[in-house]
Amino acid sequence: MDSNKLVVCAYHNVGYRCIEELLRQGAEISLIFTHEDSPTEEIWFASVRDLAVANGIPYLTTDINEPGNVERLRSIQPDFILSFYYRNMIKPQVLEIPRCGALNLHGSYLPKYRGRVPVNWAVINGESETGATLHYMVEKPDAGDIVDQERVAIANKDTAFDVFNKVTDAAVTVIGRAWPLLREGKAARIPMDLAAGSYFGGRKPADGLIDWNKPAAAIYNLVRGVTHPYPGAFTFLAGKKVTIWQASPIDGSGEPGRILSRKPLLVGTGQGVLEICSVQEEDGKEVGAADFATDHSMFFTSTQETP
């Protein structure tokens, strides 16, 4: 049995799988902080709360930074606090409590893609790789010394969901390697070069709006970066919202937003042509492009106003 006391902040598949790996290694988890599921979010991932219950580990869904929780942490006197996809920023007064430090598992190859939803941003920006990084937490987000990291390849056909699954596997690999070294006081501490990286903020469903003046490749990256289980990339046709769930860039040219062909459904962009494969009208069901209604105007637009 491990002699180090842990408090874990965790949510989502990364949280679930990393806790599983810690338990496999015999780690002593004194308390887990997790989140209540949001009624407005599609819950497609495993429940950290269920994992805590199954293993008899106390858990809380209140913010770790609340005064009562800070006092409880001080009474536990943990050696480490570990954070795996926990959604609340952990304040300095909490970071100071664990004897050996507080660490976070981030879903990118830091210092690239510091900040929120790093997997989605990496796909949207057309990156060919990302990763998982375990680092010490400091007041500045995703800025502390790096302990270990693992690269992940992004294929051109990967959706954000595909990449998230790869990053989850990489996170487990990192924790599997790093935890024995951390508990023995032998883990690396590599200063992070923030100037070599970048910071990205969170994304809202409204950020999925398609700008048809952009190249087809960029629109394709947006589509695959926010497709299921995320809210999706969208546009407007005859004033009605249309979500594009699957598409592919092809050679060709055409006026941005103009429907060039219906079967296949081809649309002009700022550079190249986008073939739309799967769509969904607002309040309708998702259909293949061949089944998409044809009695519309000839332009997709970025506003509800028809050209």
Protein backbone atom coordinates (compact mmCIF):
# COMPACT_ATOMS: atom_id res chain seq x y z
CA MET A 1 0.00 0.00 0.00
CA ASP A 2 1.26 3.46 -0.89
CA SER A 3 2.40 5.63 2.02
CA ASN A 4 1.59 8.97 0.36
CA LYS A 5 -1.80 10.53 1.04
CA LEU A 6 -3.52 11.92 -2.03
CA VAL A 7 -6.39 14.29 -2.67
CA VAL A 8 -7.60 14.04 -6.27
CA CYS A 9 -9.64 16.59 -8.24
CA ALA A 10 -11.08 14.84 -11.27
CA TYR A 11 -13.79 14.72 -13.91
CA HIS A 12 -14.39 13.20 -17.34
CA ASN A 13 -12.70 10.14 -18.83
CA VAL A 14 -9.21 11.45 -18.09
CA GLY A 15 -10.11 11.77 -14.41
CA TYR A 16 -11.71 8.34 -14.30
CA ARG A 17 -8.87 6.54 -16.07
CA CYS A 18 -6.09 8.28 -14.13
CA ILE A 19 -7.74 7.43 -10.80
CA GLU A 20 -8.03 3.84 -11.96
CA GLU A 21 -4.28 3.81 -12.68
CA LEU A 22 -3.45 5.30 -9.27
CA LEU A 23 -5.60 2.68 -7.54
CA ARG A 24 -3.96 -0.05 -9.61
CA GLN A 25 -0.64 1.14 -8.21
CA GLY A 26 -1.99 1.06 -4.65
CA ALA A 27 -2.23 4.82 -4.12
CA GLU A 28 -4.03 5.99 -0.97
CA ILE A 29 -6.70 8.49 -2.07
CA SER A 30 -8.15 10.26 0.95
CA LEU A 31 -10.71 12.44 -0.86
CA ILE A 32 -11.94 13.14 -4.39
CA PHE A 33 -13.35 16.45 -5.63
CA THR A 34 -15.47 16.15 -8.76
CA HIS A 35 -18.42 17.95 -10.41
CA GLU A 36 -22.15 17.60 -10.73
CA ASP A 37 -23.04 16.82 -14.35
CA SER A 38 -24.46 19.81 -16.20
CA PRO A 39 -28.05 19.34 -17.49
CA THR A 40 -27.11 21.34 -20.62
CA GLU A 41 -24.11 19.17 -21.53
CA GLU A 42 -24.11 15.85 -23.37
CA ILE A 43 -22.69 13.40 -20.81
CA TRP A 44 -20.81 10.85 -22.88
CA PHE A 45 -17.97 10.19 -20.45
CA ALA A 46 -17.42 8.01 -17.38
CA SER A 47 -18.47 9.16 -13.89
CA VAL A 48 -15.73 9.89 -11.38
CA ARG A 49 -18.39 9.94 -8.68
CA ASP A 50 -19.41 6.37 -9.52
CA LEU A 51 -15.76 5.31 -9.38
CA ALA A 52 -15.36 6.92 -5.96
CA VAL A 53 -18.45 5.15 -4.64
CA ALA A 54 -17.35 1.79 -6.07
CA ASN A 55 -14.01 2.09 -4.27
CA GLY A 56 -15.32 3.51 -1.00
CA ILE A 57 -13.49 6.83 -1.45
CA PRO A 58 -15.13 9.96 0.06
CA TYR A 59 -16.02 12.56 -2.57
CA LEU A 60 -17.35 16.10 -2.78
CA THR A 61 -18.91 18.01 -5.67
CA THR A 62 -18.48 21.42 -4.05
CA ASP A 63 -15.63 23.70 -5.12
CA ILE A 64 -12.30 22.72 -3.60
CA ASN A 65 -11.63 26.43 -2.90
CA GLU A 66 -14.60 26.86 -0.52
CA PRO A 67 -13.46 27.72 3.03
CA GLY A 68 -14.89 24.54 4.56
CA ASN A 69 -13.13 22.42 1.98
CA VAL A 70 -9.83 24.23 2.54
CA GLU A 71 -10.07 23.43 6.25
CA ARG A 72 -10.83 19.79 5.48
CA LEU A 73 -7.77 19.61 3.25
CA ARG A 74 -5.62 21.04 6.01
CA SER A 75 -6.92 18.39 8.38
CA ILE A 76 -6.12 15.62 5.88
CA GLN A 77 -2.56 16.94 5.38
CA PRO A 78 -2.13 15.35 1.94
CA ASP A 79 1.27 14.76 0.44
CA PHE A 80 -0.05 15.54 -3.05
CA ILE A 81 -3.05 17.10 -4.73
CA LEU A 82 -3.52 15.75 -8.25
CA SER A 83 -5.88 17.33 -10.77
CA PHE A 84 -7.25 15.50 -13.82
CA TYR A 85 -9.64 17.58 -15.96
CA TYR A 86 -11.03 19.35 -12.90
CA ARG A 87 -12.86 22.42 -14.15
CA ASN A 88 -12.30 24.88 -11.31
CA MET A 89 -9.12 26.94 -11.03
CA ILE A 90 -7.41 25.86 -7.81
CA LYS A 91 -6.38 28.88 -5.75
CA PRO A 92 -2.89 29.46 -4.30
CA GLN A 93 -4.05 28.87 -0.70
CA VAL A 94 -5.03 25.33 -1.72
CA LEU A 95 -1.88 24.72 -3.78
CA GLU A 96 0.21 25.45 -0.68
CA ILE A 97 -1.40 22.70 1.41
CA PRO A 98 0.09 19.44 0.05
CA ARG A 99 3.53 18.66 1.47
CA CYS A 100 5.02 17.52 -1.85
CA GLY A 101 3.09 19.73 -4.25
CA ALA A 102 0.00 19.98 -6.42
CA LEU A 103 0.07 18.68 -9.99
CA ASN A 104 -2.24 18.84 -12.99
CA LEU A 105 -2.63 16.58 -16.02
CA HIS A 106 -3.17 18.83 -19.06
CA GLY A 107 -4.44 17.61 -22.43
CA SER A 108 -1.73 19.06 -24.64
CA TYR A 109 2.01 18.86 -25.17
CA LEU A 110 2.85 21.90 -23.06
CA PRO A 111 3.72 24.70 -23.39
CA LYS A 112 1.54 24.53 -26.51
CA TYR A 113 -2.21 24.92 -25.97
CA ARG A 114 -2.22 26.10 -22.40
CA GLY A 115 -5.72 26.94 -21.20
CA ARG A 116 -9.15 25.53 -21.94
CA VAL A 117 -10.34 22.73 -24.29
CA PRO A 118 -6.84 22.09 -25.69
CA VAL A 119 -7.86 19.03 -27.72
CA ASN A 120 -10.58 20.90 -29.62
CA TRP A 121 -8.26 23.83 -30.31
CA ALA A 122 -5.50 21.56 -31.61
CA VAL A 123 -7.88 19.93 -34.11
CA ILE A 124 -9.48 23.23 -35.14
CA ASN A 125 -6.03 24.67 -35.82
CA GLY A 126 -5.05 21.69 -37.96
CA GLU A 127 -2.22 20.44 -35.73
CA SER A 128 -0.59 17.11 -36.58
CA GLU A 129 0.18 16.28 -32.94
CA THR A 130 -0.68 17.16 -29.36
CA GLY A 131 -0.16 15.27 -26.11
CA ALA A 132 -0.66 14.91 -22.38
CA THR A 133 1.48 16.71 -19.81
CA LEU A 134 1.81 16.33 -16.03
CA HIS A 135 3.03 19.55 -14.44
CA TYR A 136 3.15 21.31 -11.09
CA MET A 137 0.38 23.82 -10.53
CA VAL A 138 1.16 27.47 -9.86
CA GLU A 139 -1.14 30.49 -9.76
CA LYS A 140 -0.74 31.07 -13.52
CA PRO A 141 -2.69 28.43 -15.52
CA ASP A 142 -0.70 25.54 -16.99
CA ALA A 143 2.63 27.22 -16.26
CA GLY A 144 4.42 25.14 -13.61
CA ASP A 145 7.38 22.78 -13.96
CA ILE A 146 6.83 19.75 -16.20
CA VAL A 147 7.18 16.27 -14.68
CA ASP A 148 6.43 14.09 -17.72
CA GLN A 149 4.61 14.24 -21.06
CA GLU A 150 3.60 12.01 -23.94
CA ARG A 151 3.06 12.97 -27.59
CA VAL A 152 -0.10 12.04 -29.52
CA ALA A 153 -0.42 12.02 -33.31
CA ILE A 154 -3.45 13.71 -34.90
CA ALA A 155 -4.49 12.12 -38.20
CA ASN A 156 -6.13 14.35 -40.81
CA LYS A 157 -9.41 12.43 -40.44
CA ASP A 158 -9.43 12.46 -36.62
CA THR A 159 -12.27 14.26 -34.89
CA ALA A 160 -11.76 15.94 -31.52
CA PHE A 161 -13.42 12.87 -29.96
CA ASP A 162 -10.84 10.59 -31.59
CA VAL A 163 -8.00 12.76 -30.34
CA PHE A 164 -9.48 13.05 -26.86
CA ASN A 165 -9.45 9.26 -26.60
CA LYS A 166 -5.80 9.20 -27.66
CA VAL A 167 -4.95 11.93 -25.15
CA THR A 168 -6.75 9.98 -22.42
CA ASP A 169 -4.60 6.94 -23.14
CA ALA A 170 -1.49 9.15 -23.10
CA ALA A 171 -2.56 10.64 -19.75
CA VAL A 172 -2.75 7.17 -18.21
CA THR A 173 0.71 6.38 -19.62
CA VAL A 174 2.12 9.55 -18.06
CA ILE A 175 0.56 8.89 -14.66
CA GLY A 176 1.69 5.28 -14.79
CA ARG A 177 5.29 6.39 -15.29
CA ALA A 178 5.27 9.46 -13.05
CA TRP A 179 3.51 8.31 -9.90
CA PRO A 180 6.23 5.88 -8.70
CA LEU A 181 8.84 8.63 -9.19
CA LEU A 182 6.72 11.28 -7.45
CA ARG A 183 6.11 9.17 -4.37
CA GLU A 184 9.85 8.41 -4.15
CA GLY A 185 10.82 12.08 -4.59
CA LYS A 186 12.66 11.29 -7.85
CA ALA A 187 10.40 12.90 -10.46
CA ALA A 188 11.79 15.46 -12.90
CA ARG A 189 10.98 19.16 -12.66
CA ILE A 190 11.57 20.83 -16.02
CA PRO A 191 10.85 24.60 -16.10
CA MET A 192 8.21 25.48 -18.67
CA ASP A 193 9.21 27.88 -21.44
CA LEU A 194 5.98 29.86 -21.75
CA ALA A 195 7.39 31.91 -24.63
CA ALA A 196 7.51 28.73 -26.72
CA GLY A 197 3.81 28.02 -26.22
CA SER A 198 0.39 29.59 -26.46
CA TYR A 199 -2.73 30.15 -24.33
CA PHE A 200 -6.28 29.50 -25.54
CA GLY A 201 -9.57 30.30 -23.84
CA GLY A 202 -12.74 28.25 -23.59
CA ARG A 203 -15.19 27.75 -26.41
CA LYS A 204 -18.95 28.31 -26.54
CA PRO A 205 -21.43 26.67 -28.94
CA ALA A 206 -21.69 30.01 -30.77
CA ASP A 207 -18.00 29.73 -31.68
CA GLY A 208 -18.95 26.93 -34.10
CA LEU A 209 -20.26 29.46 -36.66
CA ILE A 210 -18.74 28.79 -40.09
CA ASP A 211 -17.08 31.62 -42.02
CA TRP A 212 -17.34 30.56 -45.67
CA ASN A 213 -14.63 33.04 -46.66
CA LYS A 214 -12.07 30.80 -44.95
CA PRO A 215 -10.35 27.98 -46.86
CA ALA A 216 -12.16 24.65 -47.12
CA ALA A 217 -9.39 23.00 -45.08
CA ALA A 218 -9.94 25.43 -42.19
CA ILE A 219 -13.72 24.89 -42.26
CA TYR A 220 -13.15 21.13 -42.32
CA ASN A 221 -10.91 21.42 -39.25
CA LEU A 222 -13.63 23.36 -37.44
CA VAL A 223 -16.22 20.72 -38.37
CA ARG A 224 -14.13 17.83 -37.06
CA GLY A 225 -13.00 19.86 -34.05
CA VAL A 226 -16.55 20.41 -32.75
CA THR A 227 -18.52 17.49 -34.19
CA HIS A 228 -20.19 14.87 -31.93
CA PRO A 229 -20.21 14.78 -28.94
CA TYR A 230 -19.60 18.55 -29.06
CA PRO A 231 -22.20 21.12 -30.23
CA GLY A 232 -21.16 21.14 -33.89
CA ALA A 233 -20.19 23.63 -36.61
CA PHE A 234 -23.14 25.53 -38.04
CA THR A 235 -24.28 27.88 -40.77
CA PHE A 236 -27.56 29.30 -42.09
CA LEU A 237 -29.59 28.41 -45.17
CA ALA A 238 -32.66 30.46 -46.08
CA GLY A 239 -32.54 31.90 -42.57
CA LYS A 240 -32.56 28.50 -40.87
CA LYS A 241 -29.70 27.13 -38.77
CA VAL A 242 -27.99 24.08 -40.25
CA THR A 243 -25.37 22.06 -38.35
CA ILE A 244 -22.69 20.34 -40.42
CA TRP A 245 -21.52 17.21 -38.63
CA GLN A 246 -19.26 15.73 -41.29
CA ALA A 247 -17.51 17.22 -44.30
CA SER A 248 -14.39 16.95 -46.43
CA PRO A 249 -12.28 19.52 -48.32
CA ILE A 250 -11.75 18.89 -52.04
CA ASP A 251 -10.10 20.69 -54.94
CA GLY A 252 -12.14 23.20 -56.88
CA SER A 253 -13.39 26.74 -56.60
CA GLY A 254 -16.63 28.58 -56.06
CA GLU A 255 -18.08 31.69 -54.50
CA PRO A 256 -17.91 31.39 -50.67
CA GLY A 257 -21.12 29.84 -49.35
CA ARG A 258 -22.60 29.10 -52.79
CA ILE A 259 -24.05 25.61 -53.26
CA LEU A 260 -22.26 24.31 -56.34
CA SER A 261 -23.85 20.87 -56.45
CA ARG A 262 -26.54 19.06 -54.50
CA LYS A 263 -25.50 15.44 -55.11
CA PRO A 264 -22.77 15.49 -53.92
CA LEU A 265 -23.45 18.56 -51.77
CA LEU A 266 -20.57 20.90 -52.64
CA VAL A 267 -20.12 24.42 -51.30
CA GLY A 268 -17.68 27.12 -52.37
CA THR A 269 -15.25 28.58 -49.84
CA GLY A 270 -12.50 31.19 -49.73
CA GLN A 271 -10.13 28.55 -51.09
CA GLY A 272 -11.20 25.15 -52.38
CA VAL A 273 -14.57 23.42 -52.04
CA LEU A 274 -16.21 21.74 -49.07
CA GLU A 275 -18.14 18.51 -49.61
CA ILE A 276 -20.83 18.22 -46.94
CA CYS A 277 -21.56 14.64 -45.90
CA SER A 278 -23.85 14.87 -42.85
CA VAL A 279 -26.15 17.75 -41.85
CA GLN A 280 -28.94 18.59 -39.46
CA GLU A 281 -31.53 21.34 -39.65
CA GLU A 282 -32.58 22.98 -36.42
CA ASP A 283 -35.31 20.89 -34.75
CA GLY A 284 -34.67 18.15 -37.31
CA LYS A 285 -32.69 14.94 -37.33
CA GLU A 286 -29.22 14.38 -38.69
CA VAL A 287 -29.25 13.14 -42.29
CA GLY A 288 -26.77 12.33 -45.01
CA ALA A 289 -26.26 15.02 -47.63
CA ALA A 290 -28.19 12.96 -50.21
CA ASP A 291 -31.30 13.23 -48.02
CA PHE A 292 -30.91 16.93 -47.32
CA ALA A 293 -33.90 18.98 -48.49
CA THR A 294 -33.31 20.67 -51.85
CA ASP A 295 -35.87 23.48 -51.80
CA HIS A 296 -33.52 26.07 -50.30
CA SER A 297 -31.79 29.17 -51.59
CA MET A 298 -28.41 28.69 -53.18
CA PHE A 299 -26.20 30.14 -50.44
CA PHE A 300 -25.05 29.12 -47.00
CA THR A 301 -24.48 32.22 -44.89
CA SER A 302 -22.88 33.23 -41.60
CA THR A 303 -26.00 35.12 -40.50
CA GLN A 304 -29.72 34.41 -40.55
CA GLU A 305 -30.17 37.09 -43.19
CA THR A 306 -30.47 35.65 -46.68
CA PRO A 307 -28.24 37.24 -49.33
